[in-house]
Amino acid sequence: MQISDRGLLEICEHEGIVPAPYYDSVGVLTYGIGHTKNAGGVDPADLPRGMPNDLDAAIDRAIEVFRADIARYEARVNAAIKVPLPQHQFDALGSFDLNTGGIYRAILTRQINAGDPKASEHFFGWLRPPEIRKRRTAEKRLFDTGDYDWNGDEIAVWRVDTRGRLHGVLKTITGTELLARMQRPALAPDTSGLGAETSEDLIAQIHALTSAHLARPTA
């Protein structure tokens, strides 16, 4: 199975888009749409800090990394879950694993595979940091009811400084625009952790975008 377009937009609205590395609420260096070193491919520590000159190009690079991440997490959920799932439940688990990396070891997974009708209660076994409860609640609701309440109408693009600190929403993009920019293939995705380009290619492109920003003359 693949995460549906609606599922992708749920994830993107939860995560937002940050066009340069930043520290999340527990101090994990993160990039783009929830990408961390543990996802494979590009290591955020290798990327330049601070806002790029060409924001649109930087968003495209972040989306490209997200595409590779999604393929990996789809493969993980497909491997971990041994029972048939409706689309909305697969989407909820994709969001959960992208955020936690816990699909293989979660009691949630074990209970789903065991056919426990109350398995979704175990979404709440993953509540660190405390502010993640809102996301776990949304994932549980999606799993239980098919309610895509985070519908991706507006996805935030955040400002970030050279120290990896967020400074509010710079702009938003629509879910329709994000999906068009993803240009996701309909066939089986690449699960290597990389897209069509190597991680070295992407790192070089991202450095070029930020170098152009740093080279601009000041007023």
Protein backbone atom coordinates (compact mmCIF):
# COMPACT_ATOMS: atom_id res chain seq x y z
CA MET A 1 0.00 0.00 0.00
CA GLN A 2 0.93 3.64 -0.42
CA ILE A 3 -0.07 6.60 1.72
CA SER A 4 -2.93 8.38 -0.02
CA ASP A 5 -2.82 12.00 -1.11
CA ARG A 6 -5.07 12.89 1.82
CA GLY A 7 -2.71 11.05 4.14
CA LEU A 8 0.27 12.95 2.74
CA LEU A 9 -1.48 16.25 3.37
CA GLU A 10 -2.28 15.20 6.95
CA ILE A 11 1.41 14.58 7.54
CA CYS A 12 2.48 17.82 5.86
CA GLU A 13 0.06 19.90 7.88
CA HIS A 14 1.30 18.26 11.08
CA GLU A 15 4.95 18.83 10.17
CA GLY A 16 4.99 22.03 8.13
CA ILE A 17 7.91 22.80 5.82
CA VAL A 18 11.18 24.26 7.09
CA PRO A 19 13.62 25.04 4.25
CA ALA A 20 16.78 24.66 6.36
CA PRO A 21 17.81 22.55 9.38
CA TYR A 22 16.11 23.30 12.69
CA TYR A 23 15.87 21.80 16.16
CA ASP A 24 12.51 20.28 17.01
CA SER A 25 10.89 20.51 20.44
CA VAL A 26 13.14 17.78 21.89
CA GLY A 27 16.33 19.04 20.26
CA VAL A 28 16.50 16.68 17.28
CA LEU A 29 18.02 18.30 14.19
CA THR A 30 15.33 18.16 11.52
CA TYR A 31 14.91 19.40 7.96
CA GLY A 32 12.14 20.01 5.46
CA ILE A 33 9.00 18.00 6.23
CA GLY A 34 9.95 16.15 9.40
CA HIS A 35 13.16 14.63 7.99
CA THR A 36 15.80 13.47 10.48
CA LYS A 37 19.08 11.59 10.16
CA ASN A 38 17.33 8.38 11.21
CA ALA A 39 15.18 8.47 8.06
CA GLY A 40 18.27 7.82 5.93
CA GLY A 41 19.52 9.74 2.92
CA VAL A 42 20.36 13.38 3.59
CA ASP A 43 21.71 14.13 7.08
CA PRO A 44 20.41 17.54 8.27
CA ALA A 45 23.78 18.13 9.94
CA ASP A 46 25.38 18.27 6.49
CA LEU A 47 23.07 21.03 5.27
CA PRO A 48 23.68 24.78 5.50
CA ARG A 49 21.87 26.76 8.17
CA GLY A 50 19.60 29.73 7.65
CA MET A 51 17.06 30.81 5.07
CA PRO A 52 17.92 30.20 1.40
CA ASN A 53 17.81 32.88 -1.26
CA ASP A 54 15.52 30.90 -3.57
CA LEU A 55 12.70 29.80 -1.29
CA ASP A 56 10.71 28.03 -4.00
CA ALA A 57 13.71 25.94 -5.03
CA ALA A 58 14.42 25.16 -1.37
CA ILE A 59 10.83 23.98 -0.88
CA ASP A 60 11.22 21.73 -3.92
CA ARG A 61 14.36 20.19 -2.40
CA ALA A 62 12.54 19.61 0.90
CA ILE A 63 9.66 17.96 -0.96
CA GLU A 64 12.11 15.73 -2.83
CA VAL A 65 13.56 14.51 0.47
CA PHE A 66 10.02 14.00 1.78
CA ARG A 67 9.17 11.83 -1.22
CA ALA A 68 12.07 9.52 -0.40
CA ASP A 69 11.07 9.45 3.27
CA ILE A 70 7.48 8.56 2.45
CA ALA A 71 8.60 5.64 0.29
CA ARG A 72 10.68 4.31 3.17
CA TYR A 73 7.91 4.63 5.75
CA GLU A 74 5.35 3.08 3.43
CA ALA A 75 7.66 0.08 3.10
CA ARG A 76 8.10 -0.12 6.87
CA VAL A 77 4.36 -0.08 7.57
CA ASN A 78 3.75 -2.66 4.85
CA ALA A 79 6.37 -4.92 6.43
CA ALA A 80 5.25 -4.45 10.03
CA ILE A 81 1.49 -4.88 9.62
CA LYS A 82 0.43 -8.44 8.82
CA VAL A 83 -3.31 -7.89 8.46
CA PRO A 84 -5.31 -6.09 5.75
CA LEU A 85 -5.95 -2.40 6.43
CA PRO A 86 -8.32 0.15 4.93
CA GLN A 87 -6.60 3.17 3.43
CA HIS A 88 -7.26 5.54 6.32
CA GLN A 89 -5.67 3.17 8.83
CA PHE A 90 -2.58 2.77 6.69
CA ASP A 91 -2.37 6.56 6.41
CA ALA A 92 -2.60 6.96 10.19
CA LEU A 93 0.19 4.44 10.73
CA GLY A 94 2.37 6.12 8.11
CA SER A 95 2.04 9.41 9.98
CA PHE A 96 2.79 7.66 13.27
CA ASP A 97 5.94 5.96 11.98
CA LEU A 98 7.31 9.04 10.23
CA ASN A 99 7.00 10.92 13.51
CA THR A 100 8.16 8.21 15.93
CA GLY A 101 10.07 5.59 13.95
CA GLY A 102 8.31 3.12 16.23
CA ILE A 103 6.24 0.92 13.92
CA TYR A 104 8.33 -2.23 14.46
CA ARG A 105 8.43 -2.07 18.25
CA ALA A 106 5.12 -0.42 19.15
CA ILE A 107 2.49 -2.26 21.18
CA LEU A 108 0.11 -0.55 18.75
CA THR A 109 1.51 -2.69 15.92
CA ARG A 110 1.38 -5.89 17.94
CA GLN A 111 -2.25 -5.32 18.90
CA ILE A 112 -3.31 -4.44 15.34
CA ASN A 113 -1.75 -7.68 14.12
CA ALA A 114 -3.51 -9.56 16.92
CA GLY A 115 -6.88 -8.18 15.82
CA ASP A 116 -7.47 -6.19 19.01
CA PRO A 117 -10.48 -3.89 18.39
CA LYS A 118 -9.02 -1.44 20.93
CA ALA A 119 -5.55 -1.41 19.38
CA SER A 120 -5.73 2.30 18.56
CA GLU A 121 -5.60 3.17 22.26
CA HIS A 122 -1.89 2.43 21.97
CA PHE A 123 -1.29 5.50 19.84
CA PHE A 124 -1.18 7.16 23.26
CA GLY A 125 1.80 5.05 24.27
CA TRP A 126 3.89 7.59 22.35
CA LEU A 127 3.36 10.96 24.01
CA ARG A 128 6.82 12.47 24.26
CA PRO A 129 7.08 15.40 24.12
CA PRO A 130 3.71 16.17 25.76
CA GLU A 131 2.68 18.57 22.97
CA ILE A 132 2.57 15.62 20.55
CA ARG A 133 -0.73 14.52 22.10
CA LYS A 134 -2.66 16.59 19.56
CA ARG A 135 -1.05 14.67 16.71
CA ARG A 136 -1.55 11.28 18.38
CA THR A 137 -5.21 12.19 18.94
CA ALA A 138 -5.60 13.06 15.25
CA GLU A 139 -3.88 9.84 14.18
CA LYS A 140 -6.08 7.75 16.46
CA ARG A 141 -9.20 9.50 15.18
CA LEU A 142 -8.12 8.92 11.59
CA PHE A 143 -7.41 5.25 12.32
CA ASP A 144 -10.76 4.75 14.06
CA THR A 145 -13.09 6.82 11.90
CA GLY A 146 -11.41 7.82 8.63
CA ASP A 147 -11.74 11.49 9.63
CA TYR A 148 -8.99 13.46 7.89
CA ASP A 149 -9.39 16.47 10.12
CA TRP A 150 -5.97 17.89 9.16
CA ASN A 151 -6.95 18.31 5.54
CA GLY A 152 -3.90 20.09 4.16
CA ASP A 153 -5.74 23.20 2.99
CA GLU A 154 -2.83 25.34 4.17
CA ILE A 155 0.64 23.99 4.89
CA ALA A 156 2.94 26.31 6.81
CA VAL A 157 6.40 27.24 5.57
CA TRP A 158 8.47 28.33 8.56
CA ARG A 159 11.27 30.86 8.97
CA VAL A 160 14.44 29.47 10.55
CA ASP A 161 17.66 31.16 11.61
CA THR A 162 21.26 29.99 11.38
CA ARG A 163 21.05 28.52 14.88
CA GLY A 164 18.18 26.25 13.90
CA ARG A 165 15.49 28.23 15.72
CA LEU A 166 12.05 28.72 14.22
CA HIS A 167 10.68 32.25 13.87
CA GLY A 168 7.07 31.92 12.83
CA VAL A 169 5.25 31.15 9.61
CA LEU A 170 6.62 32.87 6.53
CA LYS A 171 3.90 31.74 4.11
CA THR A 172 1.56 28.86 3.40
CA ILE A 173 1.11 26.65 0.36
CA THR A 174 -2.00 24.72 -0.57
CA GLY A 175 -2.26 20.98 -0.52
CA THR A 176 -2.98 21.01 -4.25
CA GLU A 177 0.29 22.84 -4.91
CA LEU A 178 2.27 20.51 -2.69
CA LEU A 179 0.93 17.38 -4.39
CA ALA A 180 1.66 18.85 -7.82
CA ARG A 181 5.22 19.64 -6.76
CA MET A 182 5.69 16.14 -5.37
CA GLN A 183 4.83 14.55 -8.73
CA ARG A 184 4.55 11.25 -6.93
CA PRO A 185 4.87 8.17 -9.15
CA ALA A 186 1.93 5.81 -9.27
CA LEU A 187 4.13 2.69 -9.41
CA ALA A 188 6.09 1.05 -6.63
CA PRO A 189 8.25 3.68 -4.91
CA ASP A 190 12.00 3.66 -4.36
CA THR A 191 12.67 2.54 -0.78
CA SER A 192 16.39 3.22 -0.66
CA GLY A 193 16.01 6.43 1.33
CA LEU A 194 17.01 8.47 -1.72
CA GLY A 195 15.09 9.86 -4.65
CA ALA A 196 16.22 9.99 -8.25
CA GLU A 197 19.31 11.92 -7.18
CA THR A 198 21.88 10.88 -4.60
CA SER A 199 21.97 12.51 -1.19
CA GLU A 200 25.26 14.14 -2.23
CA ASP A 201 23.50 15.79 -5.19
CA LEU A 202 20.78 17.16 -2.93
CA ILE A 203 23.26 18.40 -0.35
CA ALA A 204 25.18 20.24 -3.07
CA GLN A 205 21.98 21.83 -4.39
CA ILE A 206 20.90 22.96 -0.93
CA HIS A 207 24.34 24.41 -0.20
CA ALA A 208 24.18 26.32 -3.49
CA LEU A 209 20.82 27.82 -2.59
CA THR A 210 22.07 29.05 0.78
CA SER A 211 25.43 30.19 -0.58
CA ALA A 212 23.58 32.43 -3.01
CA HIS A 213 21.67 33.88 -0.08
CA LEU A 214 24.84 34.54 1.92
CA ALA A 215 26.57 36.12 -1.07
CA ARG A 216 23.90 38.74 -1.64
CA PRO A 217 25.02 42.29 -0.90
CA THR A 218 23.32 43.90 2.05
CA ALA A 219 21.35 47.09 1.60
